[in-house]
Amino acid sequence: MSLDWQYATERGVTVVTLTGHLGGESLARFTGAVSWLLGHGTGPILVDLTRLFSWSAEGEAMVMDAVRRLGPARQPLALCGIGELPISLITATSLPPACYADREAAMTALAARPGEQPKTSDGCS
């Protein structure tokens, strides 16, 4: 299983779309994507997981590490499209990331208040 990632800017939001499986050998690829974003990303960031069909426990941990590295201390960040992925680490944290069921809801929240972390979410439960 492999992981692909794509980067785009929409409505002033940096969107990173993950496709495939996040775990095992693909963890290094995701680490590279996060490092790239640290150097190139500006403004709010949306990590779109809609096309991610699975992740390992290590994959979820890597997403949480990316949230910590890229997130609210640097710029607004949200996740979308978690769907049926297991989210034990995300829900266990004292400061969970803003999560949205779909991309449009996340884009609306991030674009509505540039520079501010979204306060509501509906996709991490």
Protein backbone atom coordinates (compact mmCIF):
# COMPACT_ATOMS: atom_id res chain seq x y z
CA MET A 1 0.00 0.00 0.00
CA SER A 2 1.23 3.46 -0.76
CA LEU A 3 0.58 7.07 0.10
CA ASP A 4 0.33 9.98 -2.28
CA TRP A 5 -0.02 13.61 -1.27
CA GLN A 6 -1.01 16.64 -3.24
CA TYR A 7 -0.71 20.31 -2.43
CA ALA A 8 -2.98 23.10 -3.66
CA THR A 9 -4.05 26.56 -2.58
CA GLU A 10 -7.78 27.27 -2.59
CA ARG A 11 -9.45 30.42 -1.28
CA GLY A 12 -6.25 31.33 0.56
CA VAL A 13 -6.06 27.94 2.31
CA THR A 14 -3.16 25.50 1.79
CA VAL A 15 -4.80 22.12 1.17
CA VAL A 16 -2.83 18.89 1.56
CA THR A 17 -4.74 15.86 0.30
CA LEU A 18 -3.59 12.40 1.40
CA THR A 19 -4.52 9.39 -0.72
CA GLY A 20 -3.97 5.71 0.09
CA HIS A 21 -2.64 4.19 3.30
CA LEU A 22 -0.59 6.00 5.95
CA GLY A 23 1.61 3.51 7.76
CA GLY A 24 4.75 1.42 7.39
CA GLU A 25 6.91 2.57 4.50
CA SER A 26 4.64 5.50 3.67
CA LEU A 27 5.41 7.26 6.98
CA ALA A 28 8.64 8.65 5.54
CA ARG A 29 6.72 10.08 2.57
CA PHE A 30 4.30 11.83 4.93
CA THR A 31 7.21 13.18 6.99
CA GLY A 32 8.58 14.66 3.76
CA ALA A 33 5.24 16.30 3.00
CA VAL A 34 5.14 17.89 6.46
CA SER A 35 8.73 19.13 6.10
CA TRP A 36 7.87 20.60 2.72
CA LEU A 37 4.86 22.39 4.23
CA LEU A 38 6.97 23.80 7.05
CA GLY A 39 9.15 25.46 4.44
CA HIS A 40 6.51 26.47 1.91
CA GLY A 41 3.09 26.63 3.56
CA THR A 42 1.64 30.01 4.42
CA GLY A 43 -1.71 30.84 5.88
CA PRO A 44 -4.29 28.33 7.07
CA ILE A 45 -3.70 24.63 6.39
CA LEU A 46 -6.28 21.93 5.69
CA VAL A 47 -5.23 18.29 5.85
CA ASP A 48 -7.81 16.45 3.73
CA LEU A 49 -8.06 12.77 4.69
CA THR A 50 -11.09 12.01 2.51
CA ARG A 51 -9.11 9.76 0.15
CA LEU A 52 -7.07 8.10 2.91
CA PHE A 53 -8.59 4.65 3.17
CA SER A 54 -6.55 3.51 6.19
CA TRP A 55 -3.82 4.41 8.62
CA SER A 56 -1.86 2.49 11.22
CA ALA A 57 -1.53 3.63 14.83
CA GLU A 58 1.82 5.09 13.77
CA GLY A 59 0.11 6.90 10.89
CA GLU A 60 -2.41 8.51 13.23
CA ALA A 61 0.46 9.49 15.56
CA MET A 62 2.26 11.08 12.59
CA VAL A 63 -0.84 13.12 11.75
CA MET A 64 -1.03 14.31 15.35
CA ASP A 65 2.67 15.21 15.24
CA ALA A 66 2.04 17.14 12.01
CA VAL A 67 -0.85 18.97 13.68
CA ARG A 68 1.52 19.93 16.51
CA ARG A 69 4.30 21.03 14.15
CA LEU A 70 2.16 22.85 11.57
CA GLY A 71 -0.83 23.83 13.62
CA PRO A 72 -2.33 26.58 15.68
CA ALA A 73 0.92 27.93 17.13
CA ARG A 74 2.05 28.70 13.55
CA GLN A 75 -1.19 29.13 11.61
CA PRO A 76 -4.78 27.88 11.65
CA LEU A 77 -5.09 24.18 10.83
CA ALA A 78 -7.97 21.75 10.38
CA LEU A 79 -8.51 18.13 9.38
CA CYS A 80 -11.37 16.88 7.24
CA GLY A 81 -12.70 13.60 5.96
CA ILE A 82 -11.70 11.34 8.83
CA GLY A 83 -14.79 9.22 8.24
CA GLU A 84 -14.31 5.69 9.55
CA LEU A 85 -10.59 5.96 10.35
CA PRO A 86 -9.77 5.01 13.96
CA ILE A 87 -9.10 8.19 15.95
CA SER A 88 -8.04 7.09 19.43
CA LEU A 89 -5.12 9.54 19.63
CA ILE A 90 -7.04 12.47 18.17
CA THR A 91 -9.91 12.17 20.63
CA ALA A 92 -7.60 11.46 23.58
CA THR A 93 -5.62 14.69 23.29
CA SER A 94 -6.46 17.62 25.54
CA LEU A 95 -6.36 20.00 22.56
CA PRO A 96 -7.82 18.10 19.61
CA PRO A 97 -7.48 19.69 16.19
CA ALA A 98 -10.47 21.24 14.46
CA CYS A 99 -12.06 18.41 12.46
CA TYR A 100 -14.75 18.62 9.80
CA ALA A 101 -16.76 15.92 8.11
CA ASP A 102 -16.05 17.29 4.65
CA ARG A 103 -13.73 19.57 2.76
CA GLU A 104 -16.28 22.31 2.08
CA ALA A 105 -17.13 22.76 5.77
CA ALA A 106 -13.44 22.94 6.66
CA MET A 107 -12.67 25.38 3.83
CA THR A 108 -15.53 27.62 4.90
CA ALA A 109 -14.33 27.64 8.52
CA LEU A 110 -10.69 28.34 7.62
CA ALA A 111 -11.43 30.96 4.95
CA ALA A 112 -14.03 32.79 7.05
CA ARG A 113 -11.51 34.06 9.60
CA PRO A 114 -8.01 34.21 8.17
CA GLY A 115 -5.39 34.01 10.88
CA GLU A 116 -7.75 32.52 13.48
CA GLN A 117 -7.94 28.89 14.52
CA PRO A 118 -11.43 27.47 13.86
CA LYS A 119 -13.29 27.03 17.13
CA THR A 120 -15.95 24.54 16.11
CA SER A 121 -15.73 21.19 14.48
CA ASP A 122 -18.01 18.32 13.62
CA GLY A 123 -15.80 15.57 12.28
CA CYS A 124 -13.81 14.18 15.26
CA SER A 125 -16.06 12.21 17.52
